[in-house]
Amino acid sequence: MKNCPQCGKAANDNEKFCTLCGATFSENGNAPVNSVCSYENAEPHGTFQLPKATTKQEFLKLDENKKIRRELNTSAVICYVCAGITLMLMFVFLGNVYSLIDVALLIGLGLGIHIKQSKVCAIVLCSYAAVNVLYSLIVLRAFGGYLILIAGIYSIIYTFKLDKLWKRYQQETPYHS
């Protein structure tokens, strides 16, 4: 373990940058090569600038990712609306207990996409929606469940796109090295 001489935060010996102030550690350990303050509007010193985001959640909040954020939120809202419609129809037509499972599944998957941007939830939602559409076509002889399928497809596209951008951001930002 070593301490950053700039801010005093403890750091592992293999870390190249201080996670608090952004100081770059020299080859011999503690002395900073260059540093920046931890404020968002900091000017770069040398070639290093403290990144704006250190977690995937912070990265998603960057202005560059506004469209991805909007699309994922839209997919989640569609899940919530479909869950609400299912719940209403269950009470109107005295549906069975399986409708409650349907509602819980839609809300849970929507939350996973909305809060965690989960690729797994997106894949499960799309698979579940495909089964729902097939069930509607075969048993009910009607085309139903397509809104959930659209939400599933969009959530897959944008969760994978977000993950790809996040990995590239981590590689390009010295902070994550």
Protein backbone atom coordinates (compact mmCIF):
# COMPACT_ATOMS: atom_id res chain seq x y z
CA MET A 1 0.00 0.00 0.00
CA LYS A 2 1.06 3.56 -0.68
CA ASN A 3 -0.44 6.96 0.04
CA CYS A 4 -0.95 9.71 -2.47
CA PRO A 5 1.28 12.66 -1.52
CA GLN A 6 -1.22 15.00 -3.20
CA CYS A 7 -4.32 14.13 -1.14
CA GLY A 8 -3.20 11.36 1.25
CA LYS A 9 -5.62 8.68 0.03
CA ALA A 10 -4.42 5.09 0.36
CA ALA A 11 -3.75 3.31 -2.92
CA ASN A 12 -2.68 -0.17 -3.97
CA ASP A 13 0.92 -0.56 -5.14
CA ASN A 14 -0.20 -1.50 -8.66
CA GLU A 15 -2.41 1.58 -9.16
CA LYS A 16 -1.11 4.18 -11.58
CA PHE A 17 -3.50 6.98 -10.60
CA CYS A 18 -5.01 8.26 -7.37
CA THR A 19 -8.75 7.55 -7.43
CA LEU A 20 -9.52 10.67 -5.41
CA CYS A 21 -7.46 13.51 -6.88
CA GLY A 22 -6.21 11.97 -10.14
CA ALA A 23 -2.49 12.27 -9.36
CA THR A 24 -0.33 10.03 -11.53
CA PHE A 25 2.15 7.97 -9.50
CA SER A 26 5.73 7.86 -10.71
CA GLU A 27 7.68 4.65 -11.25
CA ASN A 28 9.24 4.75 -7.75
CA GLY A 29 5.88 4.92 -6.00
CA ASN A 30 4.52 7.94 -4.24
CA ALA A 31 5.68 11.13 -5.93
CA PRO A 32 3.05 12.40 -8.36
CA VAL A 33 4.12 12.91 -11.96
CA ASN A 34 1.23 15.26 -12.66
CA SER A 35 -2.12 15.82 -11.05
CA VAL A 36 -5.43 17.53 -11.42
CA CYS A 37 -7.99 18.47 -8.85
CA SER A 38 -11.05 16.27 -8.48
CA TYR A 39 -13.55 18.87 -9.67
CA GLU A 40 -15.47 18.14 -12.87
CA ASN A 41 -14.39 21.35 -14.61
CA ALA A 42 -10.69 20.79 -13.98
CA GLU A 43 -8.24 21.83 -16.64
CA PRO A 44 -5.88 19.06 -17.79
CA HIS A 45 -2.24 19.03 -16.72
CA GLY A 46 -0.01 17.45 -19.31
CA THR A 47 -1.90 14.73 -21.17
CA PHE A 48 -4.02 13.48 -18.27
CA GLN A 49 -7.42 14.78 -17.23
CA LEU A 50 -9.58 13.26 -14.51
CA PRO A 51 -12.43 11.42 -16.21
CA LYS A 52 -15.98 12.62 -15.66
CA ALA A 53 -17.32 9.17 -14.80
CA THR A 54 -15.87 6.46 -12.59
CA THR A 55 -18.83 4.04 -12.51
CA LYS A 56 -21.14 2.73 -15.20
CA GLN A 57 -24.05 4.62 -13.59
CA GLU A 58 -22.10 7.92 -13.76
CA PHE A 59 -21.06 7.13 -17.33
CA LEU A 60 -24.69 6.66 -18.32
CA LYS A 61 -25.51 10.12 -16.92
CA LEU A 62 -23.03 11.86 -19.24
CA ASP A 63 -24.62 14.05 -21.92
CA GLU A 64 -23.08 11.90 -24.65
CA ASN A 65 -25.27 9.00 -23.51
CA LYS A 66 -28.58 10.86 -23.39
CA LYS A 67 -30.10 8.83 -26.25
CA ILE A 68 -29.15 5.49 -24.67
CA ARG A 69 -30.57 6.63 -21.32
CA ARG A 70 -33.80 7.73 -22.99
CA GLU A 71 -34.23 4.48 -24.94
CA LEU A 72 -33.60 2.30 -21.88
CA ASN A 73 -36.04 4.37 -19.82
CA THR A 74 -38.63 4.08 -22.60
CA SER A 75 -38.24 0.29 -22.66
CA ALA A 76 -38.73 0.16 -18.90
CA VAL A 77 -41.80 2.42 -19.06
CA ILE A 78 -43.34 0.14 -21.69
CA CYS A 79 -42.84 -2.76 -19.27
CA TYR A 80 -44.52 -0.81 -16.48
CA VAL A 81 -47.46 0.19 -18.71
CA CYS A 82 -47.95 -3.39 -19.93
CA ALA A 83 -47.85 -4.60 -16.31
CA GLY A 84 -50.51 -2.02 -15.41
CA ILE A 85 -52.72 -3.01 -18.33
CA THR A 86 -52.37 -6.69 -17.39
CA LEU A 87 -53.28 -5.91 -13.80
CA MET A 88 -56.34 -3.89 -14.85
CA LEU A 89 -57.51 -6.60 -17.23
CA MET A 90 -57.03 -9.20 -14.53
CA PHE A 91 -59.46 -7.39 -12.23
CA VAL A 92 -61.97 -6.57 -14.99
CA PHE A 93 -62.09 -10.06 -16.46
CA LEU A 94 -61.31 -11.90 -13.22
CA GLY A 95 -58.06 -13.31 -14.51
CA ASN A 96 -56.15 -16.09 -12.84
CA VAL A 97 -53.14 -16.03 -10.54
CA TYR A 98 -50.80 -16.40 -13.51
CA SER A 99 -51.60 -12.80 -14.42
CA LEU A 100 -49.96 -11.70 -11.17
CA ILE A 101 -46.82 -13.62 -12.14
CA ASP A 102 -46.95 -11.84 -15.49
CA VAL A 103 -47.23 -8.44 -13.76
CA ALA A 104 -44.40 -9.21 -11.30
CA LEU A 105 -42.16 -10.43 -14.11
CA LEU A 106 -42.75 -7.33 -16.23
CA ILE A 107 -42.14 -4.97 -13.31
CA GLY A 108 -39.01 -6.86 -12.23
CA LEU A 109 -37.51 -6.93 -15.72
CA GLY A 110 -38.42 -3.27 -16.25
CA LEU A 111 -36.66 -2.33 -13.03
CA GLY A 112 -33.58 -4.34 -14.02
CA ILE A 113 -33.40 -2.47 -17.31
CA HIS A 114 -34.25 0.91 -15.81
CA ILE A 115 -32.01 0.86 -12.74
CA LYS A 116 -29.16 -1.51 -13.61
CA GLN A 117 -29.18 -1.42 -17.43
CA SER A 118 -28.99 -5.22 -17.22
CA LYS A 119 -28.26 -7.12 -20.41
CA VAL A 120 -29.62 -10.28 -18.78
CA CYS A 121 -32.96 -8.59 -18.02
CA ALA A 122 -33.11 -7.31 -21.60
CA ILE A 123 -32.53 -10.81 -23.02
CA VAL A 124 -35.05 -12.39 -20.64
CA LEU A 125 -37.61 -9.69 -21.49
CA CYS A 126 -37.19 -10.26 -25.23
CA SER A 127 -37.42 -14.05 -24.81
CA TYR A 128 -40.47 -13.73 -22.59
CA ALA A 129 -42.10 -11.36 -25.10
CA ALA A 130 -41.43 -13.76 -27.99
CA VAL A 131 -43.11 -16.57 -26.06
CA ASN A 132 -46.00 -14.22 -25.25
CA VAL A 133 -46.49 -13.31 -28.92
CA LEU A 134 -46.35 -16.96 -29.98
CA TYR A 135 -48.84 -17.90 -27.27
CA SER A 136 -51.19 -15.13 -28.42
CA LEU A 137 -50.94 -16.22 -32.05
CA ILE A 138 -51.38 -19.95 -31.41
CA VAL A 139 -53.85 -20.09 -28.52
CA LEU A 140 -55.75 -16.81 -28.75
CA ARG A 141 -55.43 -16.44 -32.54
CA ALA A 142 -54.64 -12.78 -32.11
CA PHE A 143 -51.48 -10.71 -32.41
CA GLY A 144 -50.75 -9.65 -28.81
CA GLY A 145 -47.74 -8.90 -26.67
CA TYR A 146 -45.96 -6.98 -29.41
CA LEU A 147 -45.31 -3.92 -27.21
CA ILE A 148 -43.32 -6.04 -24.80
CA LEU A 149 -41.41 -7.51 -27.75
CA ILE A 150 -40.56 -4.01 -29.01
CA ALA A 151 -39.39 -3.01 -25.51
CA GLY A 152 -37.29 -6.19 -25.33
CA ILE A 153 -35.62 -5.58 -28.69
CA TYR A 154 -34.84 -1.94 -27.85
CA SER A 155 -33.52 -2.86 -24.42
CA ILE A 156 -31.20 -5.49 -25.93
CA ILE A 157 -29.89 -3.06 -28.53
CA TYR A 158 -29.22 -0.27 -26.04
CA THR A 159 -27.91 -2.32 -23.11
CA PHE A 160 -25.35 -3.92 -25.41
CA LYS A 161 -24.52 -0.56 -26.98
CA LEU A 162 -24.05 0.96 -23.50
CA ASP A 163 -21.81 -1.92 -22.43
CA LYS A 164 -19.67 -1.56 -25.56
CA LEU A 165 -19.29 2.20 -25.04
CA TRP A 166 -18.50 1.70 -21.34
CA LYS A 167 -15.74 -0.81 -22.15
CA ARG A 168 -14.25 1.52 -24.75
CA TYR A 169 -14.44 4.42 -22.28
CA GLN A 170 -12.59 2.35 -19.68
CA GLN A 171 -9.84 1.49 -22.17
CA GLU A 172 -9.41 5.07 -23.40
CA THR A 173 -9.45 6.70 -19.98
CA PRO A 174 -6.14 6.43 -18.08
CA TYR A 175 -8.03 6.45 -14.78
CA HIS A 176 -9.30 2.92 -15.46
CA SER A 177 -5.93 1.45 -16.48
